[in-house]
């Protein structure tokens, strides 16, 4: 009986211990619409790519422009679409409201996706 109590206490202690996740902290994206575009510069306007935009919804999921659903995984500042029509797309976070798409070799592609909801600006108090 005493041995079972010690074993149960040990198992409960392990369950409460958080382990580091390889690749970074498990997180989610801000919910809402994300518009994607090829950025411009001082002389060239950005080019919208609505077919690559998406809406993030609860449970690390997204809705594509065609209405289909998929899932994503965010580890720290890296995002990977894991299922659905965008499966395999990878991004580097640039703050909380900008994603920059990555090539298979981790170089940034010329596409960014921006959270289309209200922007939170700090106010002086």
C-alpha atoms as a PDB file:
ATOM      1  CA  UNK A   1       0.000   0.000   0.000  1.00  0.00           C
ATOM      2  CA  UNK A   2       2.772   2.442   0.952  1.00  0.00           C
ATOM      3  CA  UNK A   3       4.572   1.635  -2.299  1.00  0.00           C
ATOM      4  CA  UNK A   4       1.421   2.494  -4.348  1.00  0.00           C
ATOM      5  CA  UNK A   5       1.096   5.868  -2.599  1.00  0.00           C
ATOM      6  CA  UNK A   6       4.728   6.725  -3.353  1.00  0.00           C
ATOM      7  CA  UNK A   7       4.325   5.604  -6.993  1.00  0.00           C
ATOM      8  CA  UNK A   8       1.109   7.606  -7.402  1.00  0.00           C
ATOM      9  CA  UNK A   9       2.740  10.706  -5.899  1.00  0.00           C
ATOM     10  CA  UNK A  10       5.675  10.306  -8.286  1.00  0.00           C
ATOM     11  CA  UNK A  11       3.414   9.987 -11.319  1.00  0.00           C
ATOM     12  CA  UNK A  12       1.384  13.042 -10.275  1.00  0.00           C
ATOM     13  CA  UNK A  13       4.606  15.001  -9.801  1.00  0.00           C
ATOM     14  CA  UNK A  14       5.701  14.150 -13.343  1.00  0.00           C
ATOM     15  CA  UNK A  15       2.356  15.178 -14.804  1.00  0.00           C
ATOM     16  CA  UNK A  16       2.700  18.665 -13.348  1.00  0.00           C
ATOM     17  CA  UNK A  17       6.230  19.228 -14.673  1.00  0.00           C
ATOM     18  CA  UNK A  18       6.350  21.240 -17.897  1.00  0.00           C
ATOM     19  CA  UNK A  19       8.990  20.127 -20.355  1.00  0.00           C
ATOM     20  CA  UNK A  20      10.624  22.367 -22.967  1.00  0.00           C
ATOM     21  CA  UNK A  21       9.247  21.873 -26.471  1.00  0.00           C
ATOM     22  CA  UNK A  22      11.904  21.377 -29.158  1.00  0.00           C
ATOM     23  CA  UNK A  23      11.554  24.309 -31.544  1.00  0.00           C
ATOM     24  CA  UNK A  24      10.142  26.738 -29.005  1.00  0.00           C
ATOM     25  CA  UNK A  25       7.069  27.529 -26.965  1.00  0.00           C
ATOM     26  CA  UNK A  26       3.752  26.248 -28.337  1.00  0.00           C
ATOM     27  CA  UNK A  27       1.581  29.262 -29.216  1.00  0.00           C
ATOM     28  CA  UNK A  28      -1.307  30.350 -31.478  1.00  0.00           C
ATOM     29  CA  UNK A  29      -1.787  33.148 -34.000  1.00  0.00           C
ATOM     30  CA  UNK A  30      -4.086  36.100 -33.392  1.00  0.00           C
ATOM     31  CA  UNK A  31      -7.554  35.077 -34.558  1.00  0.00           C
ATOM     32  CA  UNK A  32      -9.113  36.779 -37.550  1.00  0.00           C
ATOM     33  CA  UNK A  33      -8.347  37.550 -41.161  1.00  0.00           C
ATOM     34  CA  UNK A  34      -4.833  37.561 -42.610  1.00  0.00           C
ATOM     35  CA  UNK A  35      -4.259  39.289 -45.961  1.00  0.00           C
ATOM     36  CA  UNK A  36      -1.274  38.268 -48.047  1.00  0.00           C
ATOM     37  CA  UNK A  37       0.664  40.407 -50.493  1.00  0.00           C
ATOM     38  CA  UNK A  38       3.934  40.847 -52.290  1.00  0.00           C
ATOM     39  CA  UNK A  39       5.362  43.948 -50.618  1.00  0.00           C
ATOM     40  CA  UNK A  40       6.122  47.064 -52.611  1.00  0.00           C
ATOM     41  CA  UNK A  41       8.546  49.881 -51.968  1.00  0.00           C
ATOM     42  CA  UNK A  42       8.650  53.646 -52.401  1.00  0.00           C
ATOM     43  CA  UNK A  43       7.963  53.326 -56.146  1.00  0.00           C
ATOM     44  CA  UNK A  44       5.917  50.109 -56.417  1.00  0.00           C
ATOM     45  CA  UNK A  45       2.560  49.411 -54.755  1.00  0.00           C
ATOM     46  CA  UNK A  46       2.121  46.067 -52.939  1.00  0.00           C
ATOM     47  CA  UNK A  47       0.409  43.337 -54.977  1.00  0.00           C
ATOM     48  CA  UNK A  48      -2.471  41.667 -53.139  1.00  0.00           C
ATOM     49  CA  UNK A  49      -2.583  37.840 -53.243  1.00  0.00           C
ATOM     50  CA  UNK A  50      -6.098  37.121 -51.894  1.00  0.00           C
ATOM     51  CA  UNK A  51      -5.864  33.444 -52.913  1.00  0.00           C
ATOM     52  CA  UNK A  52      -3.129  33.019 -50.286  1.00  0.00           C
ATOM     53  CA  UNK A  53      -4.946  34.787 -47.442  1.00  0.00           C
ATOM     54  CA  UNK A  54      -6.707  32.940 -44.622  1.00  0.00           C
ATOM     55  CA  UNK A  55      -8.668  33.367 -41.416  1.00  0.00           C
ATOM     56  CA  UNK A  56      -7.375  31.938 -38.146  1.00  0.00           C
ATOM     57  CA  UNK A  57      -9.988  30.327 -35.928  1.00  0.00           C
ATOM     58  CA  UNK A  58      -9.820  28.514 -32.554  1.00  0.00           C
ATOM     59  CA  UNK A  59      -7.834  25.319 -32.010  1.00  0.00           C
ATOM     60  CA  UNK A  60      -4.824  26.273 -34.173  1.00  0.00           C
ATOM     61  CA  UNK A  61      -6.995  26.075 -37.273  1.00  0.00           C
ATOM     62  CA  UNK A  62      -7.530  28.239 -40.344  1.00  0.00           C
ATOM     63  CA  UNK A  63     -10.079  28.732 -43.107  1.00  0.00           C
ATOM     64  CA  UNK A  64      -8.761  29.161 -46.660  1.00  0.00           C
ATOM     65  CA  UNK A  65     -10.411  31.459 -49.241  1.00  0.00           C
ATOM     66  CA  UNK A  66     -12.258  28.470 -50.742  1.00  0.00           C
ATOM     67  CA  UNK A  67     -13.890  27.763 -47.348  1.00  0.00           C
ATOM     68  CA  UNK A  68     -11.851  24.645 -46.607  1.00  0.00           C
ATOM     69  CA  UNK A  69     -10.226  24.217 -43.201  1.00  0.00           C
ATOM     70  CA  UNK A  70      -6.795  23.200 -42.067  1.00  0.00           C
ATOM     71  CA  UNK A  71      -4.504  23.356 -39.055  1.00  0.00           C
ATOM     72  CA  UNK A  72      -1.238  25.071 -38.234  1.00  0.00           C
ATOM     73  CA  UNK A  73       1.501  24.686 -35.650  1.00  0.00           C
ATOM     74  CA  UNK A  74       3.175  27.724 -34.077  1.00  0.00           C
ATOM     75  CA  UNK A  75       6.378  27.124 -32.149  1.00  0.00           C
ATOM     76  CA  UNK A  76       7.729  30.445 -30.839  1.00  0.00           C
ATOM     77  CA  UNK A  77       8.149  32.617 -33.961  1.00  0.00           C
ATOM     78  CA  UNK A  78       7.808  29.844 -36.587  1.00  0.00           C
ATOM     79  CA  UNK A  79       4.455  28.832 -38.110  1.00  0.00           C
ATOM     80  CA  UNK A  80       3.835  25.734 -40.239  1.00  0.00           C
ATOM     81  CA  UNK A  81       0.528  24.903 -41.887  1.00  0.00           C
ATOM     82  CA  UNK A  82       0.132  21.192 -41.147  1.00  0.00           C
ATOM     83  CA  UNK A  83      -3.064  20.265 -43.003  1.00  0.00           C
ATOM     84  CA  UNK A  84      -5.565  21.629 -45.491  1.00  0.00           C
ATOM     85  CA  UNK A  85      -4.914  23.351 -48.830  1.00  0.00           C
ATOM     86  CA  UNK A  86      -1.960  25.300 -47.391  1.00  0.00           C
ATOM     87  CA  UNK A  87      -0.230  22.263 -45.812  1.00  0.00           C
ATOM     88  CA  UNK A  88       3.528  22.747 -45.928  1.00  0.00           C
ATOM     89  CA  UNK A  89       3.555  26.559 -46.010  1.00  0.00           C
ATOM     90  CA  UNK A  90       6.007  27.922 -43.444  1.00  0.00           C
ATOM     91  CA  UNK A  91       6.388  31.402 -41.969  1.00  0.00           C
ATOM     92  CA  UNK A  92       8.633  33.479 -39.752  1.00  0.00           C
ATOM     93  CA  UNK A  93       6.789  35.817 -37.389  1.00  0.00           C
ATOM     94  CA  UNK A  94       7.717  39.512 -37.597  1.00  0.00           C
ATOM     95  CA  UNK A  95       6.007  40.736 -34.426  1.00  0.00           C
ATOM     96  CA  UNK A  96       2.564  39.323 -33.677  1.00  0.00           C
ATOM     97  CA  UNK A  97       0.739  40.650 -36.748  1.00  0.00           C
ATOM     98  CA  UNK A  98       3.062  39.987 -39.696  1.00  0.00           C
ATOM     99  CA  UNK A  99       4.090  36.628 -41.170  1.00  0.00           C
ATOM    100  CA  UNK A 100       6.879  36.312 -43.737  1.00  0.00           C
ATOM    101  CA  UNK A 101       6.731  33.163 -45.852  1.00  0.00           C
ATOM    102  CA  UNK A 102       9.783  30.880 -45.863  1.00  0.00           C
ATOM    103  CA  UNK A 103      11.237  28.715 -48.625  1.00  0.00           C
ATOM    104  CA  UNK A 104      12.260  25.099 -47.844  1.00  0.00           C
ATOM    105  CA  UNK A 105      15.822  26.368 -47.154  1.00  0.00           C
ATOM    106  CA  UNK A 106      14.458  28.884 -44.562  1.00  0.00           C
ATOM    107  CA  UNK A 107      15.156  31.927 -46.760  1.00  0.00           C
ATOM    108  CA  UNK A 108      12.358  34.489 -46.771  1.00  0.00           C
ATOM    109  CA  UNK A 109      10.184  34.521 -49.859  1.00  0.00           C
ATOM    110  CA  UNK A 110       8.774  37.764 -51.224  1.00  0.00           C
ATOM    111  CA  UNK A 111       5.363  37.301 -49.560  1.00  0.00           C
ATOM    112  CA  UNK A 112       3.995  38.621 -46.298  1.00  0.00           C
ATOM    113  CA  UNK A 113       0.674  38.059 -44.578  1.00  0.00           C
ATOM    114  CA  UNK A 114      -0.658  40.748 -42.259  1.00  0.00           C
ATOM    115  CA  UNK A 115      -3.338  40.384 -39.592  1.00  0.00           C
ATOM    116  CA  UNK A 116      -6.313  42.321 -40.938  1.00  0.00           C
ATOM    117  CA  UNK A 117      -8.018  43.033 -37.609  1.00  0.00           C
ATOM    118  CA  UNK A 118      -7.700  46.099 -35.412  1.00  0.00           C
ATOM    119  CA  UNK A 119      -4.122  46.997 -34.508  1.00  0.00           C
ATOM    120  CA  UNK A 120      -3.295  47.419 -30.831  1.00  0.00           C
ATOM    121  CA  UNK A 121      -1.271  50.596 -30.396  1.00  0.00           C
ATOM    122  CA  UNK A 122       0.240  51.499 -27.035  1.00  0.00           C
ATOM    123  CA  UNK A 123      -1.261  54.606 -25.466  1.00  0.00           C
ATOM    124  CA  UNK A 124       0.438  56.982 -23.078  1.00  0.00           C
ATOM    125  CA  UNK A 125      -0.968  56.747 -19.603  1.00  0.00           C
END
